[in-house]
Amino acid sequence: MFAEQSLLGLSAQEIVQRGIAHVPEGRRLFAGMTVRENLLMGSYMRNDGRAVINKDLDFVLTTFPRLAERLNQDASTLSGGEQQMCAIGRGIMANPLLLMIDELSLGLSPKLVGELSKALLEINRSGLSILLVEQDVATALRLAATGFVLDTGRIVLAGKTAELAVNPDVRQAYLGIAAA
């Protein structure tokens, strides 16, 4: 369910039309296409006009200034962190109500994860809801307001991240901090 409507059986196109964009694990940018072209692919289903799309593109490029420097570069030649920025930007370009991000930190340095985390907080403050699936529990707890702990695909714990961060089971099993 999303916005009180079932998504069961819907095509990917219909899900995007309902307001959900997905940033896949591993980024999956279009090789042979520039950063600009990859970003604009996110807006391919929009019909709200070039001016509004350009405003969103400006937001992405302001949020991720490195992408502005590399607009005409083949996106597949970007660093891993820059590719993740491009993938997130492409998701934003769909103008979603919900941006789902799968494994933000995968293969990235702690410094880049920090930069991306700051950007996600800014994106969320702009009014975009974000669903983050992340194995780096410390990062997830810093970014999210509410968390769900999964074990073999089932929710075993849920709550405010401030509460989860001090939960002895979470600290021991997911953060490697022994109970006192």
C-alpha atoms as a PDB file:
ATOM      1  CA  MET A   1       0.000   0.000   0.000  1.00  0.00           C
ATOM      2  CA  PHE A   2       1.128   3.501  -0.794  1.00  0.00           C
ATOM      3  CA  ALA A   3      -1.061   6.572  -0.324  1.00  0.00           C
ATOM      4  CA  GLU A   4      -3.909   4.190   0.532  1.00  0.00           C
ATOM      5  CA  GLN A   5      -3.651   2.420  -2.853  1.00  0.00           C
ATOM      6  CA  SER A   6      -2.412  -1.078  -3.503  1.00  0.00           C
ATOM      7  CA  LEU A   7       0.661  -1.446  -5.680  1.00  0.00           C
ATOM      8  CA  LEU A   8       0.181  -5.168  -6.221  1.00  0.00           C
ATOM      9  CA  GLY A   9       0.372  -6.150  -9.857  1.00  0.00           C
ATOM     10  CA  LEU A  10       1.351  -2.679 -11.060  1.00  0.00           C
ATOM     11  CA  SER A  11       4.087  -2.212 -13.638  1.00  0.00           C
ATOM     12  CA  ALA A  12       7.212  -0.232 -12.804  1.00  0.00           C
ATOM     13  CA  GLN A  13       5.835   2.617 -14.918  1.00  0.00           C
ATOM     14  CA  GLU A  14       2.586   2.673 -12.943  1.00  0.00           C
ATOM     15  CA  ILE A  15       4.480   2.680  -9.649  1.00  0.00           C
ATOM     16  CA  VAL A  16       6.542   5.675 -10.778  1.00  0.00           C
ATOM     17  CA  GLN A  17       3.323   7.399 -11.851  1.00  0.00           C
ATOM     18  CA  ARG A  18       1.972   6.845  -8.331  1.00  0.00           C
ATOM     19  CA  GLY A  19       4.936   8.787  -6.925  1.00  0.00           C
ATOM     20  CA  ILE A  20       7.613   6.234  -6.033  1.00  0.00           C
ATOM     21  CA  ALA A  21      11.164   6.343  -7.401  1.00  0.00           C
ATOM     22  CA  HIS A  22      13.842   3.730  -6.720  1.00  0.00           C
ATOM     23  CA  VAL A  23      17.608   4.189  -6.459  1.00  0.00           C
ATOM     24  CA  PRO A  24      18.836   0.617  -6.919  1.00  0.00           C
ATOM     25  CA  GLU A  25      21.708  -1.089  -5.163  1.00  0.00           C
ATOM     26  CA  GLY A  26      24.793  -0.794  -7.343  1.00  0.00           C
ATOM     27  CA  ARG A  27      23.541   2.470  -8.899  1.00  0.00           C
ATOM     28  CA  ARG A  28      22.835   1.054 -12.395  1.00  0.00           C
ATOM     29  CA  LEU A  29      23.543   4.160 -14.420  1.00  0.00           C
ATOM     30  CA  PHE A  30      23.246   4.138 -18.193  1.00  0.00           C
ATOM     31  CA  ALA A  31      26.753   3.609 -19.593  1.00  0.00           C
ATOM     32  CA  GLY A  32      27.503   5.588 -22.737  1.00  0.00           C
ATOM     33  CA  MET A  33      25.196   8.382 -21.565  1.00  0.00           C
ATOM     34  CA  THR A  34      26.356  11.598 -19.944  1.00  0.00           C
ATOM     35  CA  VAL A  35      25.568  12.638 -16.390  1.00  0.00           C
ATOM     36  CA  ARG A  36      22.999  15.103 -17.789  1.00  0.00           C
ATOM     37  CA  GLU A  37      21.345  12.385 -19.887  1.00  0.00           C
ATOM     38  CA  ASN A  38      21.242   9.994 -16.916  1.00  0.00           C
ATOM     39  CA  LEU A  39      19.644  12.657 -14.733  1.00  0.00           C
ATOM     40  CA  LEU A  40      17.081  13.561 -17.377  1.00  0.00           C
ATOM     41  CA  MET A  41      16.162   9.877 -17.795  1.00  0.00           C
ATOM     42  CA  GLY A  42      14.616  10.211 -14.341  1.00  0.00           C
ATOM     43  CA  SER A  43      12.168  12.743 -15.729  1.00  0.00           C
ATOM     44  CA  TYR A  44      11.157  10.831 -18.852  1.00  0.00           C
ATOM     45  CA  MET A  45       7.582  10.202 -17.621  1.00  0.00           C
ATOM     46  CA  ARG A  46       6.948  13.739 -16.424  1.00  0.00           C
ATOM     47  CA  ASN A  47       4.623  16.064 -18.252  1.00  0.00           C
ATOM     48  CA  ASP A  48       4.864  19.122 -16.029  1.00  0.00           C
ATOM     49  CA  GLY A  49       6.973  21.152 -18.458  1.00  0.00           C
ATOM     50  CA  ARG A  50      10.608  21.902 -19.157  1.00  0.00           C
ATOM     51  CA  ALA A  51      10.753  24.836 -16.689  1.00  0.00           C
ATOM     52  CA  VAL A  52       9.740  22.654 -13.723  1.00  0.00           C
ATOM     53  CA  ILE A  53      12.077  19.855 -14.811  1.00  0.00           C
ATOM     54  CA  ASN A  54      14.949  22.358 -15.136  1.00  0.00           C
ATOM     55  CA  LYS A  55      14.167  23.641 -11.624  1.00  0.00           C
ATOM     56  CA  ASP A  56      14.501  20.092 -10.296  1.00  0.00           C
ATOM     57  CA  LEU A  57      17.717  19.631 -12.278  1.00  0.00           C
ATOM     58  CA  ASP A  58      19.065  22.809 -10.673  1.00  0.00           C
ATOM     59  CA  PHE A  59      18.138  21.412  -7.245  1.00  0.00           C
ATOM     60  CA  VAL A  60      20.021  18.177  -7.992  1.00  0.00           C
ATOM     61  CA  LEU A  61      23.082  20.057  -9.246  1.00  0.00           C
ATOM     62  CA  THR A  62      23.036  22.374  -6.229  1.00  0.00           C
ATOM     63  CA  THR A  63      22.728  19.404  -3.887  1.00  0.00           C
ATOM     64  CA  PHE A  64      25.496  17.524  -5.721  1.00  0.00           C
ATOM     65  CA  PRO A  65      27.860  20.189  -7.145  1.00  0.00           C
ATOM     66  CA  ARG A  66      30.293  17.526  -8.398  1.00  0.00           C
ATOM     67  CA  LEU A  67      27.652  16.453 -10.895  1.00  0.00           C
ATOM     68  CA  ALA A  68      27.447  20.019 -12.224  1.00  0.00           C
ATOM     69  CA  GLU A  69      31.181  19.840 -12.928  1.00  0.00           C
ATOM     70  CA  ARG A  70      30.736  16.577 -14.845  1.00  0.00           C
ATOM     71  CA  LEU A  71      27.460  17.086 -16.735  1.00  0.00           C
ATOM     72  CA  ASN A  72      28.923  16.109 -20.099  1.00  0.00           C
ATOM     73  CA  GLN A  73      31.015  13.202 -18.791  1.00  0.00           C
ATOM     74  CA  ASP A  74      29.989   9.582 -19.421  1.00  0.00           C
ATOM     75  CA  ALA A  75      28.301   8.626 -16.149  1.00  0.00           C
ATOM     76  CA  SER A  76      29.966   5.208 -16.132  1.00  0.00           C
ATOM     77  CA  THR A  77      33.370   6.909 -15.727  1.00  0.00           C
ATOM     78  CA  LEU A  78      32.411   8.646 -12.463  1.00  0.00           C
ATOM     79  CA  SER A  79      33.782   7.508  -9.120  1.00  0.00           C
ATOM     80  CA  GLY A  80      31.536   5.263  -7.023  1.00  0.00           C
ATOM     81  CA  GLY A  81      30.400   8.161  -4.856  1.00  0.00           C
ATOM     82  CA  GLU A  82      29.684  10.359  -7.849  1.00  0.00           C
ATOM     83  CA  GLN A  83      27.724   7.516  -9.438  1.00  0.00           C
ATOM     84  CA  GLN A  84      25.645   7.243  -6.269  1.00  0.00           C
ATOM     85  CA  MET A  85      25.013  11.003  -6.411  1.00  0.00           C
ATOM     86  CA  CYS A  86      23.898  10.627 -10.031  1.00  0.00           C
ATOM     87  CA  ALA A  87      21.615   7.701  -9.199  1.00  0.00           C
ATOM     88  CA  ILE A  88      19.995   9.651  -6.343  1.00  0.00           C
ATOM     89  CA  GLY A  89      19.681  12.688  -8.601  1.00  0.00           C
ATOM     90  CA  ARG A  90      18.024  10.573 -11.296  1.00  0.00           C
ATOM     91  CA  GLY A  91      15.500   9.406  -8.686  1.00  0.00           C
ATOM     92  CA  ILE A  92      14.783  12.981  -7.644  1.00  0.00           C
ATOM     93  CA  MET A  93      14.219  13.912 -11.280  1.00  0.00           C
ATOM     94  CA  ALA A  94      11.158  11.639 -11.311  1.00  0.00           C
ATOM     95  CA  ASN A  95       9.594  14.157  -8.890  1.00  0.00           C
ATOM     96  CA  PRO A  96       8.488  11.400  -6.508  1.00  0.00           C
ATOM     97  CA  LEU A  97       6.577  11.560  -3.263  1.00  0.00           C
ATOM     98  CA  LEU A  98       8.786   8.738  -1.953  1.00  0.00           C
ATOM     99  CA  LEU A  99      12.415   8.072  -2.878  1.00  0.00           C
ATOM    100  CA  MET A 100      13.515   4.521  -2.062  1.00  0.00           C
ATOM    101  CA  ILE A 101      17.293   4.097  -1.760  1.00  0.00           C
ATOM    102  CA  ASP A 102      18.810   0.633  -1.607  1.00  0.00           C
ATOM    103  CA  GLU A 103      22.254   0.395   0.042  1.00  0.00           C
ATOM    104  CA  LEU A 104      23.413   4.010   0.026  1.00  0.00           C
ATOM    105  CA  SER A 105      26.861   3.165   1.411  1.00  0.00           C
ATOM    106  CA  LEU A 106      27.675   0.112  -0.722  1.00  0.00           C
ATOM    107  CA  GLY A 107      31.354   0.218  -1.679  1.00  0.00           C
ATOM    108  CA  LEU A 108      31.865   3.818  -0.593  1.00  0.00           C
ATOM    109  CA  SER A 109      34.386   5.398   1.765  1.00  0.00           C
ATOM    110  CA  PRO A 110      33.159   6.691   5.130  1.00  0.00           C
ATOM    111  CA  LYS A 111      33.887  10.247   3.956  1.00  0.00           C
ATOM    112  CA  LEU A 112      31.625   9.861   0.910  1.00  0.00           C
ATOM    113  CA  VAL A 113      28.919   8.200   2.992  1.00  0.00           C
ATOM    114  CA  GLY A 114      29.059  11.256   5.251  1.00  0.00           C
ATOM    115  CA  GLU A 115      28.669  13.601   2.273  1.00  0.00           C
ATOM    116  CA  LEU A 116      25.762  11.593   0.905  1.00  0.00           C
ATOM    117  CA  SER A 117      24.152  11.473   4.342  1.00  0.00           C
ATOM    118  CA  LYS A 118      24.232  15.267   4.601  1.00  0.00           C
ATOM    119  CA  ALA A 119      22.714  15.533   1.130  1.00  0.00           C
ATOM    120  CA  LEU A 120      19.914  13.097   2.026  1.00  0.00           C
ATOM    121  CA  LEU A 121      19.045  15.130   5.110  1.00  0.00           C
ATOM    122  CA  GLU A 122      18.833  18.242   2.900  1.00  0.00           C
ATOM    123  CA  ILE A 123      16.705  16.395   0.348  1.00  0.00           C
ATOM    124  CA  ASN A 124      14.386  15.192   3.105  1.00  0.00           C
ATOM    125  CA  ARG A 125      14.129  18.727   4.534  1.00  0.00           C
ATOM    126  CA  SER A 126      12.983  19.864   1.077  1.00  0.00           C
ATOM    127  CA  GLY A 127       9.874  17.732   1.632  1.00  0.00           C
ATOM    128  CA  LEU A 128      10.760  14.444  -0.064  1.00  0.00           C
ATOM    129  CA  SER A 129      10.131  11.301   1.971  1.00  0.00           C
ATOM    130  CA  ILE A 130      12.958   8.770   1.843  1.00  0.00           C
ATOM    131  CA  LEU A 131      12.903   5.043   2.524  1.00  0.00           C
ATOM    132  CA  LEU A 132      16.459   3.848   3.080  1.00  0.00           C
ATOM    133  CA  VAL A 133      17.430   0.180   3.066  1.00  0.00           C
ATOM    134  CA  GLU A 134      20.914   0.039   4.542  1.00  0.00           C
ATOM    135  CA  GLN A 135      23.167  -2.587   6.096  1.00  0.00           C
ATOM    136  CA  ASP A 136      25.354   0.099   7.689  1.00  0.00           C
ATOM    137  CA  VAL A 137      23.179   0.323  10.778  1.00  0.00           C
ATOM    138  CA  ALA A 138      25.046   3.275  12.301  1.00  0.00           C
ATOM    139  CA  THR A 139      24.444   5.346   9.162  1.00  0.00           C
ATOM    140  CA  ALA A 140      20.806   4.285   8.981  1.00  0.00           C
ATOM    141  CA  LEU A 141      20.225   5.216  12.622  1.00  0.00           C
ATOM    142  CA  ARG A 142      21.791   8.665  12.060  1.00  0.00           C
ATOM    143  CA  LEU A 143      19.653   9.399   8.998  1.00  0.00           C
ATOM    144  CA  ALA A 144      16.257   7.974   9.822  1.00  0.00           C
ATOM    145  CA  ALA A 145      13.556   9.061  12.216  1.00  0.00           C
ATOM    146  CA  THR A 146      11.972   5.608  12.332  1.00  0.00           C
ATOM    147  CA  GLY A 147      13.720   2.287  11.864  1.00  0.00           C
ATOM    148  CA  PHE A 148      12.788  -1.297  11.166  1.00  0.00           C
ATOM    149  CA  VAL A 149      15.149  -4.144  11.971  1.00  0.00           C
ATOM    150  CA  LEU A 150      14.805  -7.104   9.630  1.00  0.00           C
ATOM    151  CA  ASP A 151      15.992 -10.642  10.229  1.00  0.00           C
ATOM    152  CA  THR A 152      15.649 -13.063   7.316  1.00  0.00           C
ATOM    153  CA  GLY A 153      13.105 -10.779   5.675  1.00  0.00           C
ATOM    154  CA  ARG A 154      10.869 -10.281   8.703  1.00  0.00           C
ATOM    155  CA  ILE A 155      10.485  -7.205  10.875  1.00  0.00           C
ATOM    156  CA  VAL A 156      11.730  -8.150  14.331  1.00  0.00           C
ATOM    157  CA  LEU A 157      11.934  -4.673  15.838  1.00  0.00           C
ATOM    158  CA  ALA A 158      10.582  -1.236  14.952  1.00  0.00           C
ATOM    159  CA  GLY A 159      10.616   2.164  16.544  1.00  0.00           C
ATOM    160  CA  LYS A 160      12.129   5.607  16.695  1.00  0.00           C
ATOM    161  CA  THR A 161      15.796   5.418  15.766  1.00  0.00           C
ATOM    162  CA  ALA A 162      16.810   7.160  18.999  1.00  0.00           C
ATOM    163  CA  GLU A 163      15.244   4.231  20.879  1.00  0.00           C
ATOM    164  CA  LEU A 164      16.697   1.593  18.560  1.00  0.00           C
ATOM    165  CA  ALA A 165      20.181   3.109  18.937  1.00  0.00           C
ATOM    166  CA  VAL A 166      20.167   2.420  22.686  1.00  0.00           C
ATOM    167  CA  ASN A 167      18.411  -0.943  22.504  1.00  0.00           C
ATOM    168  CA  PRO A 168      20.868  -3.520  23.928  1.00  0.00           C
ATOM    169  CA  ASP A 169      19.913  -6.156  21.335  1.00  0.00           C
ATOM    170  CA  VAL A 170      20.440  -3.745  18.439  1.00  0.00           C
ATOM    171  CA  ARG A 171      23.702  -2.476  19.906  1.00  0.00           C
ATOM    172  CA  GLN A 172      25.088  -5.961  20.345  1.00  0.00           C
ATOM    173  CA  ALA A 173      23.784  -7.658  17.167  1.00  0.00           C
ATOM    174  CA  TYR A 174      24.101  -4.797  14.675  1.00  0.00           C
ATOM    175  CA  LEU A 175      26.596  -2.309  16.096  1.00  0.00           C
ATOM    176  CA  GLY A 176      29.029  -4.722  17.739  1.00  0.00           C
ATOM    177  CA  ILE A 177      28.698  -3.053  21.124  1.00  0.00           C
ATOM    178  CA  ALA A 178      28.509  -5.478  24.025  1.00  0.00           C
ATOM    179  CA  ALA A 179      25.781  -4.969  26.594  1.00  0.00           C
ATOM    180  CA  ALA A 180      27.036  -3.356  29.778  1.00  0.00           C
END
